[in-house]
Every structure is written in structure tokens, then in C-alpha cells.
Amino acid sequence: FTLAQSYRFFPPGAIHLVVVDPGVGSARRPILASAANAQFVAPDNGVLSMIYEREPDAQVRHITRERHFLRPVSNTFHGRDIFAPVAAWLSQGVEPIEFGEVITDYVKLALPKPRRLRDGNEQRV
């Protein structure tokens, strides 16, 4: 939520590193999303769902080029071994295309929408 409310206030070209990853060590994919003149490095677990909702033209890549990872990659520290190095390489000018192929089957959570009721509002947190 916080990222979705704030990313537009960052300077153009900002790189956002998002590691909310209870599935670390699982089969979930590392991704790089390009949208709104910004980059988002994150796990493919739905954490960027609100970004996708606001930026329907986002381009999402599955990060597969392991030469950009810190070696060896541990089972429990993907933030350190995968996500942070990719963000660092981006900051040095490596283009998104160098990290992997574009995907369209990334995880998008079905987020509940607020509803206006006759006597108030209904929202879920």
C-alpha cells in the first residue's frame, strides 16, 4: 500500500527494491517491473499488484540472468543475493532487457475495492 501511494513522488528513474517475501526459498520468481518511469525489483508474489492496477502498461520481466546475482544464492536471503544486486546493477545503467524475458503471467492479487453504502462505507484492510 505504501509503495503504491508514494512511487509517483520519487524522481524519474527511481529504483524501488521491494522485499516482502514470506515465500523466500520457494518457487516464486524474482521480477523486474518497469512502469511510470521507474523500476520495481520484487518477488512475484502479488506485492506489486497495486502498481499494476495503477500502471496497466507496466512491463514485467522474470529475472533469470544469474550473472547479476550475488553468489552463492542462499535459500533464505534472496533480498541480499538476488533483489539487492539487481537493483544495484540497474543503478549502474544495466538495461532491464539484460535481466530476463518479459512475462505476462505475473501474480496479481484480487484486491477488494471500497464500497459506498447507504449509511457509510465498507472497506477491508
Foldseek 3Di string as FASTA:
>chain_A
DVCLVPVLVDDQAEEAEDEPPPPQLHPWFWKWKDFPNYIYTYTLPAPCQSVCVVGVPIWMWGFDPQVQFAPPDDRHPCSRTPRVSVSVVVVVPDDPVVRGDTDDPGDHDPADDKDADPVGIDHDD
